[in-house]
Each structure stands twice: as C-alpha cells, then as structure tokens.
Amino acid sequence: MPDITPDIVLDTKGLNCPLPILKAKKALTGMENGQHLELASTDPGAVKDFQAFCNATGNKLNAHWMDGDVFMFMIERIV
C-alpha cells in the first residue's frame, strides 16, 4: 500500500472488464491533475487492464497491490 492519501476511493469489486475501467475513466475525468484515485477490483485481468489503461491515457499507475483477494490500484490523474 502506497503512502498516498487518495482523493477518491472507488469500489468496483464484483465487476468485470470493461466496467472497472469505465468507472475509473469517469472518476478521473472529474478530478484535478495531481489528484489520486484508489480503486478496488476483483477482476482477475485488472492488473493488465489498468496498466494498459494508464499507458493509453497518460495517467500514472503509482502502485498496485493485493489486499486479500482484492486488487488495489493507486492512479494519479495526469492529463
């Protein structure tokens, strides 16, 4: 878990691709540059999906980790 306080926390547990990505995109759109989104997902493809999403959008995936069986992500709004 990174030492960053998120500005928004988003729970997408139980949702499969593309819904976690779409919800993250919507949340990030309303955020200021430099703010952080913490997202929880149970989708097994989430790590690859969010790496690709951040590469494609220019946002920064600061960290990803496991919290039990939940994939956690800290994404920084860059663009």
C-alpha atoms as a PDB file:
ATOM      1  CA  MET A   1       0.000   0.000   0.000  1.00  0.00           C
ATOM      2  CA  PRO A   2       1.492   3.338  -1.027  1.00  0.00           C
ATOM      3  CA  ASP A   3       1.922   6.248   1.358  1.00  0.00           C
ATOM      4  CA  ILE A   4      -0.532   8.389  -0.639  1.00  0.00           C
ATOM      5  CA  THR A   5      -3.896   9.631   0.593  1.00  0.00           C
ATOM      6  CA  PRO A   6      -6.447   9.125  -2.182  1.00  0.00           C
ATOM      7  CA  ASP A   7      -8.760  11.968  -3.189  1.00  0.00           C
ATOM      8  CA  ILE A   8     -11.388   9.478  -4.394  1.00  0.00           C
ATOM      9  CA  VAL A   9     -11.913   5.822  -3.432  1.00  0.00           C
ATOM     10  CA  LEU A  10     -13.751   3.637  -5.937  1.00  0.00           C
ATOM     11  CA  ASP A  11     -15.038   0.133  -5.216  1.00  0.00           C
ATOM     12  CA  THR A  12     -15.505  -1.946  -8.376  1.00  0.00           C
ATOM     13  CA  LYS A  13     -15.420  -5.334  -6.642  1.00  0.00           C
ATOM     14  CA  GLY A  14     -17.649  -7.866  -8.394  1.00  0.00           C
ATOM     15  CA  LEU A  15     -17.484  -6.045 -11.719  1.00  0.00           C
ATOM     16  CA  ASN A  16     -15.646  -7.439 -14.739  1.00  0.00           C
ATOM     17  CA  CYS A  17     -13.920  -5.675 -17.613  1.00  0.00           C
ATOM     18  CA  PRO A  18     -14.698  -3.187 -19.019  1.00  0.00           C
ATOM     19  CA  LEU A  19     -16.759  -1.823 -16.111  1.00  0.00           C
ATOM     20  CA  PRO A  20     -13.858  -1.128 -13.679  1.00  0.00           C
ATOM     21  CA  ILE A  21     -12.016   0.749 -16.451  1.00  0.00           C
ATOM     22  CA  LEU A  22     -15.126   2.721 -17.435  1.00  0.00           C
ATOM     23  CA  LYS A  23     -15.816   3.694 -13.814  1.00  0.00           C
ATOM     24  CA  ALA A  24     -12.167   4.715 -13.323  1.00  0.00           C
ATOM     25  CA  LYS A  25     -12.245   6.782 -16.512  1.00  0.00           C
ATOM     26  CA  LYS A  26     -15.406   8.577 -15.363  1.00  0.00           C
ATOM     27  CA  ALA A  27     -13.943   9.266 -11.905  1.00  0.00           C
ATOM     28  CA  LEU A  28     -10.626  10.528 -13.315  1.00  0.00           C
ATOM     29  CA  THR A  29     -12.409  12.855 -15.733  1.00  0.00           C
ATOM     30  CA  GLY A  30     -13.841  14.802 -12.796  1.00  0.00           C
ATOM     31  CA  MET A  31     -10.523  15.044 -10.956  1.00  0.00           C
ATOM     32  CA  GLU A  32      -7.815  17.709 -10.966  1.00  0.00           C
ATOM     33  CA  ASN A  33      -4.293  16.984 -12.212  1.00  0.00           C
ATOM     34  CA  GLY A  34      -2.197  15.506  -9.408  1.00  0.00           C
ATOM     35  CA  GLN A  35      -5.147  14.020  -7.530  1.00  0.00           C
ATOM     36  CA  HIS A  36      -5.193  10.293  -6.719  1.00  0.00           C
ATOM     37  CA  LEU A  37      -7.819   7.625  -7.288  1.00  0.00           C
ATOM     38  CA  GLU A  38      -7.710   4.455  -5.216  1.00  0.00           C
ATOM     39  CA  LEU A  39      -9.608   1.618  -6.861  1.00  0.00           C
ATOM     40  CA  ALA A  40     -10.508  -1.874  -5.628  1.00  0.00           C
ATOM     41  CA  SER A  41     -11.262  -4.674  -8.100  1.00  0.00           C
ATOM     42  CA  THR A  42     -11.795  -8.424  -8.043  1.00  0.00           C
ATOM     43  CA  ASP A  43     -11.447  -8.783 -11.823  1.00  0.00           C
ATOM     44  CA  PRO A  44      -8.521 -11.192 -12.438  1.00  0.00           C
ATOM     45  CA  GLY A  45      -7.470  -9.197 -15.519  1.00  0.00           C
ATOM     46  CA  ALA A  46      -7.435  -5.880 -13.687  1.00  0.00           C
ATOM     47  CA  VAL A  47      -3.648  -5.533 -13.356  1.00  0.00           C
ATOM     48  CA  LYS A  48      -3.036  -5.811 -17.095  1.00  0.00           C
ATOM     49  CA  ASP A  49      -6.150  -3.745 -17.841  1.00  0.00           C
ATOM     50  CA  PHE A  50      -5.120  -0.833 -15.617  1.00  0.00           C
ATOM     51  CA  GLN A  51      -1.510  -0.915 -16.808  1.00  0.00           C
ATOM     52  CA  ALA A  52      -2.766  -0.643 -20.406  1.00  0.00           C
ATOM     53  CA  PHE A  53      -5.361   1.989 -19.456  1.00  0.00           C
ATOM     54  CA  CYS A  54      -2.761   4.225 -17.797  1.00  0.00           C
ATOM     55  CA  ASN A  55      -0.327   3.798 -20.685  1.00  0.00           C
ATOM     56  CA  ALA A  56      -3.061   4.719 -23.165  1.00  0.00           C
ATOM     57  CA  THR A  57      -4.447   7.712 -21.233  1.00  0.00           C
ATOM     58  CA  GLY A  58      -1.243   9.187 -19.821  1.00  0.00           C
ATOM     59  CA  ASN A  59      -2.389   8.838 -16.218  1.00  0.00           C
ATOM     60  CA  LYS A  60       0.117   7.334 -13.788  1.00  0.00           C
ATOM     61  CA  LEU A  61      -0.320   3.972 -12.096  1.00  0.00           C
ATOM     62  CA  ASN A  62       1.580   4.802  -8.901  1.00  0.00           C
ATOM     63  CA  ALA A  63       1.051   1.400  -7.306  1.00  0.00           C
ATOM     64  CA  HIS A  64      -0.917  -1.806  -7.359  1.00  0.00           C
ATOM     65  CA  TRP A  65      -1.070  -4.371  -4.572  1.00  0.00           C
ATOM     66  CA  MET A  66      -3.220  -7.142  -3.163  1.00  0.00           C
ATOM     67  CA  ASP A  67      -5.479  -6.702  -0.155  1.00  0.00           C
ATOM     68  CA  GLY A  68      -6.521 -10.287   0.480  1.00  0.00           C
ATOM     69  CA  ASP A  69      -8.144 -11.363  -2.785  1.00  0.00           C
ATOM     70  CA  VAL A  70      -8.772  -7.779  -3.949  1.00  0.00           C
ATOM     71  CA  PHE A  71      -6.571  -5.992  -6.474  1.00  0.00           C
ATOM     72  CA  MET A  72      -5.866  -2.428  -5.338  1.00  0.00           C
ATOM     73  CA  PHE A  73      -4.683   0.423  -7.551  1.00  0.00           C
ATOM     74  CA  MET A  74      -3.482   3.965  -6.929  1.00  0.00           C
ATOM     75  CA  ILE A  75      -3.815   6.062 -10.067  1.00  0.00           C
ATOM     76  CA  GLU A  76      -2.673   9.673 -10.345  1.00  0.00           C
ATOM     77  CA  ARG A  77      -4.595  11.990 -12.659  1.00  0.00           C
ATOM     78  CA  ILE A  78      -2.001  13.470 -15.027  1.00  0.00           C
ATOM     79  CA  VAL A  79      -3.884  14.619 -18.117  1.00  0.00           C
END
